Amino acid sequence: MKDETPKRRLETAGGRLMLAILEKLVQEKQGSYMLTDTDSMLFVASEHGNLVPCAGGKHNVPDGTPAIKAISWAEVDEICNKLNKLNPYSREIIPDILKIEDSNFDRNGKQHQLYGLAVSAKRYVIYKRKKNDIEIIKPSEHGLGIVFVLDKCSVYKLLD
Protein backbone atom coordinates (compact mmCIF):
# COMPACT_ATOMS: atom_id res chain seq x y z
CA MET A 1 0.00 0.00 0.00
CA LYS A 2 1.36 3.39 -1.03
CA ASP A 3 1.97 5.94 1.74
CA GLU A 4 -0.21 9.02 1.04
CA THR A 5 1.17 11.02 4.00
CA PRO A 6 3.50 13.31 1.97
CA LYS A 7 0.65 14.18 -0.42
CA ARG A 8 -1.68 14.97 2.50
CA ARG A 9 0.96 17.18 4.08
CA LEU A 10 1.33 19.12 0.83
CA GLU A 11 -2.45 19.59 0.59
CA THR A 12 -2.56 20.93 4.15
CA ALA A 13 0.43 23.18 3.50
CA GLY A 14 -1.21 24.45 0.30
CA GLY A 15 -4.39 25.32 2.19
CA ARG A 16 -2.42 27.18 4.84
CA LEU A 17 -0.46 29.04 2.17
CA MET A 18 -3.72 30.06 0.49
CA LEU A 19 -5.03 31.44 3.78
CA ALA A 20 -1.78 33.34 4.39
CA ILE A 21 -2.03 34.89 0.92
CA LEU A 22 -5.67 35.83 1.56
CA GLU A 23 -4.79 37.40 4.89
CA LYS A 24 -2.03 39.45 3.24
CA LEU A 25 -4.32 40.60 0.41
CA VAL A 26 -6.95 41.77 2.92
CA GLN A 27 -4.31 43.52 5.04
CA GLU A 28 -3.01 45.36 1.95
CA LYS A 29 -6.48 46.88 1.65
CA GLN A 30 -6.49 47.69 5.41
CA GLY A 31 -9.51 45.39 5.62
CA SER A 32 -10.65 42.78 8.10
CA TYR A 33 -12.06 39.30 8.08
CA MET A 34 -14.44 37.57 10.46
CA LEU A 35 -12.86 34.12 10.41
CA THR A 36 -10.84 31.64 8.42
CA ASP A 37 -11.28 27.93 8.11
CA THR A 38 -9.38 25.19 6.32
CA ASP A 39 -10.05 26.54 2.83
CA SER A 40 -12.05 29.72 3.28
CA MET A 41 -12.18 33.22 4.67
CA LEU A 42 -15.20 35.27 5.66
CA PHE A 43 -14.35 38.83 4.66
CA VAL A 44 -15.81 41.85 6.42
CA ALA A 45 -17.22 43.59 3.37
CA SER A 46 -19.93 45.97 2.28
CA GLU A 47 -21.04 47.39 -1.04
CA HIS A 48 -18.78 50.43 -0.81
CA GLY A 49 -16.44 49.47 2.05
CA ASN A 50 -16.69 51.43 5.27
CA LEU A 51 -16.14 51.28 9.01
CA VAL A 52 -18.13 48.67 10.92
CA PRO A 53 -18.62 48.95 14.70
CA CYS A 54 -16.68 46.14 16.38
CA ALA A 55 -15.38 45.84 19.95
CA GLY A 56 -11.60 46.03 19.95
CA GLY A 57 -11.41 47.56 16.47
CA LYS A 58 -8.45 49.81 15.70
CA HIS A 59 -10.63 52.50 14.07
CA ASN A 60 -13.52 54.55 15.46
CA VAL A 61 -16.86 55.55 13.96
CA PRO A 62 -17.87 59.22 14.47
CA ASP A 63 -19.45 58.60 17.89
CA GLY A 64 -16.18 57.06 19.13
CA THR A 65 -17.31 53.41 19.00
CA PRO A 66 -14.42 51.07 18.07
CA ALA A 67 -14.67 49.81 14.50
CA ILE A 68 -12.95 47.74 11.84
CA LYS A 69 -12.69 48.51 8.13
CA ALA A 70 -14.86 46.59 5.70
CA ILE A 71 -13.50 46.17 2.19
CA SER A 72 -15.84 46.75 -0.74
CA TRP A 73 -17.56 43.98 -2.67
CA ALA A 74 -15.48 45.02 -5.68
CA GLU A 75 -12.31 44.50 -3.62
CA VAL A 76 -13.53 41.03 -2.63
CA ASP A 77 -14.02 40.24 -6.34
CA GLU A 78 -10.51 41.54 -7.02
CA ILE A 79 -9.02 39.30 -4.30
CA CYS A 80 -10.90 36.25 -5.59
CA ASN A 81 -9.78 36.92 -9.17
CA LYS A 82 -6.17 37.37 -8.08
CA LEU A 83 -6.12 34.14 -6.06
CA ASN A 84 -7.94 32.19 -8.76
CA LYS A 85 -5.05 32.87 -11.13
CA LEU A 86 -3.16 30.35 -8.95
CA ASN A 87 -5.74 27.62 -9.59
CA PRO A 88 -3.75 24.49 -10.52
CA TYR A 89 -6.84 22.51 -11.54
CA SER A 90 -8.65 22.15 -14.84
CA ARG A 91 -11.06 25.11 -15.09
CA GLU A 92 -13.70 22.74 -16.51
CA ILE A 93 -13.63 20.70 -13.31
CA ILE A 94 -12.79 23.32 -10.66
CA PRO A 95 -13.35 26.79 -12.12
CA ASP A 96 -12.41 28.64 -8.92
CA ILE A 97 -10.41 27.82 -5.82
CA LEU A 98 -11.95 30.85 -4.11
CA LYS A 99 -15.49 31.98 -4.84
CA ILE A 100 -18.16 34.17 -3.36
CA GLU A 101 -20.79 31.89 -1.85
CA ASP A 102 -24.33 31.89 -3.23
CA SER A 103 -25.64 32.98 0.19
CA ASN A 104 -24.26 36.46 -0.59
CA PHE A 105 -26.92 36.91 -3.25
CA ASP A 106 -30.70 37.15 -3.04
CA ARG A 107 -33.06 35.04 -5.14
CA ASN A 108 -32.75 37.54 -8.00
CA GLY A 109 -28.96 37.26 -8.06
CA LYS A 110 -28.41 40.69 -6.48
CA GLN A 111 -25.70 40.84 -3.82
CA HIS A 112 -27.06 41.77 -0.41
CA GLN A 113 -25.46 42.86 2.85
CA LEU A 114 -24.82 40.09 5.35
CA TYR A 115 -23.77 40.30 8.99
CA GLY A 116 -22.06 37.80 11.21
CA LEU A 117 -21.20 36.78 14.71
CA ALA A 118 -18.35 34.34 15.30
CA VAL A 119 -16.89 32.65 18.34
CA SER A 120 -14.44 30.55 16.32
CA ALA A 121 -13.96 29.18 12.80
CA LYS A 122 -16.46 26.42 13.44
CA ARG A 123 -18.95 28.39 15.56
CA TYR A 124 -20.55 31.30 13.76
CA VAL A 125 -23.77 32.56 12.24
CA ILE A 126 -24.29 34.66 9.12
CA TYR A 127 -27.53 36.62 9.01
CA LYS A 128 -29.43 39.32 7.16
CA ARG A 129 -31.10 42.21 8.94
CA LYS A 130 -34.77 42.85 8.35
CA LYS A 131 -36.78 45.77 9.75
CA ASN A 132 -37.06 44.59 13.35
CA ASP A 133 -35.79 41.07 12.90
CA ILE A 134 -33.01 38.98 11.46
CA GLU A 135 -33.00 36.10 8.99
CA ILE A 136 -30.37 33.46 9.61
CA ILE A 137 -28.65 32.74 6.30
CA LYS A 138 -25.89 30.33 7.31
CA PRO A 139 -25.56 28.86 10.78
CA SER A 140 -22.52 26.82 11.67
CA GLU A 141 -23.58 23.41 12.92
CA HIS A 142 -20.13 22.05 13.68
CA GLY A 143 -19.91 20.36 17.04
CA LEU A 144 -23.68 19.96 17.42
CA GLY A 145 -23.67 16.19 16.93
CA ILE A 146 -24.73 15.61 20.52
CA VAL A 147 -27.53 18.21 20.33
CA PHE A 148 -30.77 17.64 18.50
CA VAL A 149 -33.35 20.41 18.38
CA LEU A 150 -36.64 19.27 16.91
CA ASP A 151 -38.20 22.07 14.91
CA LYS A 152 -39.86 22.56 11.56
CA CYS A 153 -36.57 23.29 9.78
CA SER A 154 -36.12 20.88 6.88
CA VAL A 155 -32.44 20.40 7.82
CA TYR A 156 -33.45 18.43 10.90
CA LYS A 157 -35.34 15.23 10.14
CA LEU A 158 -35.98 12.28 12.40
CA LEU A 159 -34.39 9.05 11.24
CA ASP A 160 -36.47 5.88 11.39
C-alpha atoms as a PDB file:
ATOM      1  CA  MET A   1       0.000   0.000   0.000  1.00  0.00           C
ATOM      2  CA  LYS A   2       1.356   3.390  -1.027  1.00  0.00           C
ATOM      3  CA  ASP A   3       1.966   5.941   1.744  1.00  0.00           C
ATOM      4  CA  GLU A   4      -0.215   9.018   1.037  1.00  0.00           C
ATOM      5  CA  THR A   5       1.171  11.017   3.996  1.00  0.00           C
ATOM      6  CA  PRO A   6       3.503  13.307   1.970  1.00  0.00           C
ATOM      7  CA  LYS A   7       0.652  14.176  -0.415  1.00  0.00           C
ATOM      8  CA  ARG A   8      -1.676  14.965   2.498  1.00  0.00           C
ATOM      9  CA  ARG A   9       0.957  17.177   4.085  1.00  0.00           C
ATOM     10  CA  LEU A  10       1.326  19.121   0.829  1.00  0.00           C
ATOM     11  CA  GLU A  11      -2.451  19.587   0.589  1.00  0.00           C
ATOM     12  CA  THR A  12      -2.565  20.925   4.149  1.00  0.00           C
ATOM     13  CA  ALA A  13       0.429  23.176   3.495  1.00  0.00           C
ATOM     14  CA  GLY A  14      -1.206  24.447   0.298  1.00  0.00           C
ATOM     15  CA  GLY A  15      -4.390  25.319   2.193  1.00  0.00           C
ATOM     16  CA  ARG A  16      -2.424  27.180   4.838  1.00  0.00           C
ATOM     17  CA  LEU A  17      -0.463  29.039   2.173  1.00  0.00           C
ATOM     18  CA  MET A  18      -3.716  30.060   0.489  1.00  0.00           C
ATOM     19  CA  LEU A  19      -5.034  31.440   3.782  1.00  0.00           C
ATOM     20  CA  ALA A  20      -1.784  33.340   4.394  1.00  0.00           C
ATOM     21  CA  ILE A  21      -2.032  34.889   0.915  1.00  0.00           C
ATOM     22  CA  LEU A  22      -5.670  35.833   1.559  1.00  0.00           C
ATOM     23  CA  GLU A  23      -4.787  37.399   4.887  1.00  0.00           C
ATOM     24  CA  LYS A  24      -2.029  39.454   3.240  1.00  0.00           C
ATOM     25  CA  LEU A  25      -4.325  40.601   0.407  1.00  0.00           C
ATOM     26  CA  VAL A  26      -6.953  41.770   2.924  1.00  0.00           C
ATOM     27  CA  GLN A  27      -4.305  43.521   5.042  1.00  0.00           C
ATOM     28  CA  GLU A  28      -3.010  45.358   1.949  1.00  0.00           C
ATOM     29  CA  LYS A  29      -6.483  46.881   1.646  1.00  0.00           C
ATOM     30  CA  GLN A  30      -6.491  47.690   5.408  1.00  0.00           C
ATOM     31  CA  GLY A  31      -9.512  45.390   5.624  1.00  0.00           C
ATOM     32  CA  SER A  32     -10.651  42.784   8.105  1.00  0.00           C
ATOM     33  CA  TYR A  33     -12.057  39.301   8.076  1.00  0.00           C
ATOM     34  CA  MET A  34     -14.436  37.565  10.464  1.00  0.00           C
ATOM     35  CA  LEU A  35     -12.859  34.124  10.410  1.00  0.00           C
ATOM     36  CA  THR A  36     -10.844  31.644   8.422  1.00  0.00           C
ATOM     37  CA  ASP A  37     -11.277  27.926   8.110  1.00  0.00           C
ATOM     38  CA  THR A  38      -9.384  25.194   6.316  1.00  0.00           C
ATOM     39  CA  ASP A  39     -10.053  26.545   2.830  1.00  0.00           C
ATOM     40  CA  SER A  40     -12.052  29.720   3.275  1.00  0.00           C
ATOM     41  CA  MET A  41     -12.180  33.222   4.670  1.00  0.00           C
ATOM     42  CA  LEU A  42     -15.204  35.265   5.657  1.00  0.00           C
ATOM     43  CA  PHE A  43     -14.348  38.833   4.661  1.00  0.00           C
ATOM     44  CA  VAL A  44     -15.809  41.852   6.425  1.00  0.00           C
ATOM     45  CA  ALA A  45     -17.221  43.588   3.366  1.00  0.00           C
ATOM     46  CA  SER A  46     -19.933  45.974   2.279  1.00  0.00           C
ATOM     47  CA  GLU A  47     -21.041  47.385  -1.041  1.00  0.00           C
ATOM     48  CA  HIS A  48     -18.775  50.429  -0.811  1.00  0.00           C
ATOM     49  CA  GLY A  49     -16.441  49.473   2.049  1.00  0.00           C
ATOM     50  CA  ASN A  50     -16.694  51.434   5.270  1.00  0.00           C
ATOM     51  CA  LEU A  51     -16.141  51.279   9.014  1.00  0.00           C
ATOM     52  CA  VAL A  52     -18.133  48.673  10.920  1.00  0.00           C
ATOM     53  CA  PRO A  53     -18.618  48.954  14.698  1.00  0.00           C
ATOM     54  CA  CYS A  54     -16.676  46.141  16.378  1.00  0.00           C
ATOM     55  CA  ALA A  55     -15.381  45.843  19.946  1.00  0.00           C
ATOM     56  CA  GLY A  56     -11.597  46.028  19.950  1.00  0.00           C
ATOM     57  CA  GLY A  57     -11.409  47.557  16.468  1.00  0.00           C
ATOM     58  CA  LYS A  58      -8.455  49.808  15.703  1.00  0.00           C
ATOM     59  CA  HIS A  59     -10.625  52.497  14.075  1.00  0.00           C
ATOM     60  CA  ASN A  60     -13.522  54.552  15.462  1.00  0.00           C
ATOM     61  CA  VAL A  61     -16.859  55.550  13.963  1.00  0.00           C
ATOM     62  CA  PRO A  62     -17.867  59.223  14.473  1.00  0.00           C
ATOM     63  CA  ASP A  63     -19.454  58.597  17.888  1.00  0.00           C
ATOM     64  CA  GLY A  64     -16.177  57.059  19.131  1.00  0.00           C
ATOM     65  CA  THR A  65     -17.309  53.409  19.003  1.00  0.00           C
ATOM     66  CA  PRO A  66     -14.420  51.068  18.067  1.00  0.00           C
ATOM     67  CA  ALA A  67     -14.672  49.814  14.500  1.00  0.00           C
ATOM     68  CA  ILE A  68     -12.952  47.742  11.838  1.00  0.00           C
ATOM     69  CA  LYS A  69     -12.690  48.508   8.129  1.00  0.00           C
ATOM     70  CA  ALA A  70     -14.855  46.590   5.705  1.00  0.00           C
ATOM     71  CA  ILE A  71     -13.504  46.174   2.189  1.00  0.00           C
ATOM     72  CA  SER A  72     -15.839  46.747  -0.739  1.00  0.00           C
ATOM     73  CA  TRP A  73     -17.559  43.979  -2.675  1.00  0.00           C
ATOM     74  CA  ALA A  74     -15.482  45.023  -5.685  1.00  0.00           C
ATOM     75  CA  GLU A  75     -12.313  44.504  -3.619  1.00  0.00           C
ATOM     76  CA  VAL A  76     -13.527  41.026  -2.627  1.00  0.00           C
ATOM     77  CA  ASP A  77     -14.017  40.243  -6.344  1.00  0.00           C
ATOM     78  CA  GLU A  78     -10.513  41.543  -7.020  1.00  0.00           C
ATOM     79  CA  ILE A  79      -9.017  39.304  -4.298  1.00  0.00           C
ATOM     80  CA  CYS A  80     -10.899  36.251  -5.595  1.00  0.00           C
ATOM     81  CA  ASN A  81      -9.778  36.916  -9.168  1.00  0.00           C
ATOM     82  CA  LYS A  82      -6.166  37.373  -8.082  1.00  0.00           C
ATOM     83  CA  LEU A  83      -6.116  34.137  -6.062  1.00  0.00           C
ATOM     84  CA  ASN A  84      -7.939  32.186  -8.761  1.00  0.00           C
ATOM     85  CA  LYS A  85      -5.047  32.871 -11.135  1.00  0.00           C
ATOM     86  CA  LEU A  86      -3.157  30.352  -8.953  1.00  0.00           C
ATOM     87  CA  ASN A  87      -5.743  27.621  -9.592  1.00  0.00           C
ATOM     88  CA  PRO A  88      -3.753  24.494 -10.520  1.00  0.00           C
ATOM     89  CA  TYR A  89      -6.841  22.514 -11.540  1.00  0.00           C
ATOM     90  CA  SER A  90      -8.649  22.154 -14.838  1.00  0.00           C
ATOM     91  CA  ARG A  91     -11.061  25.107 -15.095  1.00  0.00           C
ATOM     92  CA  GLU A  92     -13.703  22.739 -16.512  1.00  0.00           C
ATOM     93  CA  ILE A  93     -13.627  20.695 -13.308  1.00  0.00           C
ATOM     94  CA  ILE A  94     -12.793  23.319 -10.662  1.00  0.00           C
ATOM     95  CA  PRO A  95     -13.351  26.790 -12.119  1.00  0.00           C
ATOM     96  CA  ASP A  96     -12.408  28.641  -8.921  1.00  0.00           C
ATOM     97  CA  ILE A  97     -10.411  27.823  -5.815  1.00  0.00           C
ATOM     98  CA  LEU A  98     -11.955  30.848  -4.114  1.00  0.00           C
ATOM     99  CA  LYS A  99     -15.486  31.981  -4.837  1.00  0.00           C
ATOM    100  CA  ILE A 100     -18.162  34.173  -3.356  1.00  0.00           C
ATOM    101  CA  GLU A 101     -20.789  31.885  -1.850  1.00  0.00           C
ATOM    102  CA  ASP A 102     -24.327  31.891  -3.230  1.00  0.00           C
ATOM    103  CA  SER A 103     -25.642  32.983   0.187  1.00  0.00           C
ATOM    104  CA  ASN A 104     -24.256  36.464  -0.586  1.00  0.00           C
ATOM    105  CA  PHE A 105     -26.923  36.909  -3.253  1.00  0.00           C
ATOM    106  CA  ASP A 106     -30.698  37.147  -3.043  1.00  0.00           C
ATOM    107  CA  ARG A 107     -33.061  35.042  -5.136  1.00  0.00           C
ATOM    108  CA  ASN A 108     -32.755  37.539  -8.004  1.00  0.00           C
ATOM    109  CA  GLY A 109     -28.955  37.264  -8.063  1.00  0.00           C
ATOM    110  CA  LYS A 110     -28.405  40.692  -6.482  1.00  0.00           C
ATOM    111  CA  GLN A 111     -25.695  40.839  -3.822  1.00  0.00           C
ATOM    112  CA  HIS A 112     -27.065  41.773  -0.409  1.00  0.00           C
ATOM    113  CA  GLN A 113     -25.461  42.862   2.852  1.00  0.00           C
ATOM    114  CA  LEU A 114     -24.822  40.091   5.348  1.00  0.00           C
ATOM    115  CA  TYR A 115     -23.768  40.305   8.989  1.00  0.00           C
ATOM    116  CA  GLY A 116     -22.059  37.801  11.211  1.00  0.00           C
ATOM    117  CA  LEU A 117     -21.203  36.778  14.711  1.00  0.00           C
ATOM    118  CA  ALA A 118     -18.352  34.340  15.304  1.00  0.00           C
ATOM    119  CA  VAL A 119     -16.886  32.653  18.339  1.00  0.00           C
ATOM    120  CA  SER A 120     -14.443  30.546  16.319  1.00  0.00           C
ATOM    121  CA  ALA A 121     -13.962  29.185  12.805  1.00  0.00           C
ATOM    122  CA  LYS A 122     -16.455  26.416  13.442  1.00  0.00           C
ATOM    123  CA  ARG A 123     -18.948  28.392  15.559  1.00  0.00           C
ATOM    124  CA  TYR A 124     -20.553  31.299  13.760  1.00  0.00           C
ATOM    125  CA  VAL A 125     -23.772  32.564  12.240  1.00  0.00           C
ATOM    126  CA  ILE A 126     -24.293  34.659   9.121  1.00  0.00           C
ATOM    127  CA  TYR A 127     -27.535  36.622   9.005  1.00  0.00           C
ATOM    128  CA  LYS A 128     -29.432  39.320   7.157  1.00  0.00           C
ATOM    129  CA  ARG A 129     -31.100  42.212   8.944  1.00  0.00           C
ATOM    130  CA  LYS A 130     -34.770  42.847   8.346  1.00  0.00           C
ATOM    131  CA  LYS A 131     -36.781  45.765   9.747  1.00  0.00           C
ATOM    132  CA  ASN A 132     -37.057  44.594  13.350  1.00  0.00           C
ATOM    133  CA  ASP A 133     -35.795  41.071  12.904  1.00  0.00           C
ATOM    134  CA  ILE A 134     -33.010  38.981  11.455  1.00  0.00           C
ATOM    135  CA  GLU A 135     -33.003  36.099   8.991  1.00  0.00           C
ATOM    136  CA  ILE A 136     -30.371  33.457   9.608  1.00  0.00           C
ATOM    137  CA  ILE A 137     -28.651  32.737   6.301  1.00  0.00           C
ATOM    138  CA  LYS A 138     -25.894  30.332   7.307  1.00  0.00           C
ATOM    139  CA  PRO A 139     -25.556  28.864  10.783  1.00  0.00           C
ATOM    140  CA  SER A 140     -22.523  26.815  11.674  1.00  0.00           C
ATOM    141  CA  GLU A 141     -23.581  23.413  12.915  1.00  0.00           C
ATOM    142  CA  HIS A 142     -20.131  22.055  13.680  1.00  0.00           C
ATOM    143  CA  GLY A 143     -19.910  20.358  17.040  1.00  0.00           C
ATOM    144  CA  LEU A 144     -23.678  19.956  17.416  1.00  0.00           C
ATOM    145  CA  GLY A 145     -23.674  16.190  16.927  1.00  0.00           C
ATOM    146  CA  ILE A 146     -24.731  15.613  20.519  1.00  0.00           C
ATOM    147  CA  VAL A 147     -27.526  18.206  20.331  1.00  0.00           C
ATOM    148  CA  PHE A 148     -30.773  17.640  18.497  1.00  0.00           C
ATOM    149  CA  VAL A 149     -33.353  20.406  18.378  1.00  0.00           C
ATOM    150  CA  LEU A 150     -36.635  19.267  16.914  1.00  0.00           C
ATOM    151  CA  ASP A 151     -38.197  22.068  14.908  1.00  0.00           C
ATOM    152  CA  LYS A 152     -39.858  22.561  11.560  1.00  0.00           C
ATOM    153  CA  CYS A 153     -36.569  23.285   9.778  1.00  0.00           C
ATOM    154  CA  SER A 154     -36.121  20.878   6.879  1.00  0.00           C
ATOM    155  CA  VAL A 155     -32.440  20.404   7.818  1.00  0.00           C
ATOM    156  CA  TYR A 156     -33.453  18.430  10.901  1.00  0.00           C
ATOM    157  CA  LYS A 157     -35.341  15.231  10.142  1.00  0.00           C
ATOM    158  CA  LEU A 158     -35.982  12.283  12.397  1.00  0.00           C
ATOM    159  CA  LEU A 159     -34.387   9.051  11.235  1.00  0.00           C
ATOM    160  CA  ASP A 160     -36.474   5.880  11.391  1.00  0.00           C
END
